[in-house]
């Protein structure tokens, strides 16, 4: 899938100035994450189960 076809959205914790943000796109198979300041750079992709583990870990910190 082409990254321009993905439905990217910013974190609800992103500031109004748009600095230090990440964008996420969710598909059936994976979660895609990119730097919102430079969307031309490569993004990374993780399977949904690993994303769930990551979010759970961050929530505990």
Protein backbone atom coordinates (compact mmCIF):
# COMPACT_ATOMS: atom_id res chain seq x y z
CA UNK A 1 0.00 0.00 0.00
CA UNK A 2 1.26 3.46 -0.89
CA UNK A 3 1.71 5.72 2.16
CA UNK A 4 -0.39 8.45 0.52
CA UNK A 5 -3.32 6.00 0.53
CA UNK A 6 -3.16 5.55 4.30
CA UNK A 7 -5.41 7.52 6.65
CA UNK A 8 -2.78 9.26 8.79
CA UNK A 9 -3.74 11.03 12.03
CA UNK A 10 -1.76 12.87 14.71
CA UNK A 11 -1.58 11.99 18.35
CA UNK A 12 -4.12 13.71 20.57
CA UNK A 13 -1.11 14.81 22.65
CA UNK A 14 0.39 16.78 19.73
CA UNK A 15 0.65 20.49 20.26
CA UNK A 16 -1.17 23.04 18.11
CA UNK A 17 2.18 24.27 16.76
CA UNK A 18 2.74 20.92 15.07
CA UNK A 19 6.17 20.32 16.57
CA UNK A 20 7.41 16.97 17.91
CA UNK A 21 4.50 15.01 16.50
CA UNK A 22 4.06 11.54 15.19
CA UNK A 23 1.34 10.38 12.84
CA UNK A 24 -0.22 6.94 12.86
CA UNK A 25 -2.15 5.02 10.21
CA UNK A 26 -4.03 1.84 11.05
CA UNK A 27 -4.69 -1.01 8.62
CA UNK A 28 -6.06 -4.50 9.20
CA UNK A 29 -2.58 -5.98 9.22
CA UNK A 30 -0.39 -3.30 10.81
CA UNK A 31 0.18 0.06 12.44
CA UNK A 32 2.26 2.59 10.49
CA UNK A 33 4.10 5.41 12.28
CA UNK A 34 5.87 8.44 10.79
CA UNK A 35 7.36 11.79 11.75
CA UNK A 36 4.80 14.49 10.97
CA UNK A 37 7.52 17.10 10.48
CA UNK A 38 8.94 15.22 7.48
CA UNK A 39 6.42 12.88 5.91
CA UNK A 40 8.78 12.17 3.00
CA UNK A 41 11.04 10.13 5.27
CA UNK A 42 10.39 6.40 5.58
CA UNK A 43 7.85 5.32 8.17
CA UNK A 44 7.99 2.18 10.23
CA UNK A 45 5.41 -0.54 10.48
CA UNK A 46 4.58 -2.95 13.29
CA UNK A 47 2.01 -5.70 13.51
CA UNK A 48 -1.04 -4.88 15.60
CA UNK A 49 -0.11 -7.23 18.44
CA UNK A 50 3.28 -5.55 18.91
CA UNK A 51 1.68 -2.09 18.84
CA UNK A 52 -0.72 -3.21 21.57
CA UNK A 53 2.21 -4.41 23.69
CA UNK A 54 4.06 -1.10 23.12
CA UNK A 55 1.05 1.04 24.06
CA UNK A 56 0.45 -1.10 27.15
CA UNK A 57 4.06 -0.68 28.22
CA UNK A 58 4.00 3.10 27.72
CA UNK A 59 0.76 3.38 29.69
CA UNK A 60 2.46 1.74 32.68
CA UNK A 61 5.38 4.18 32.72
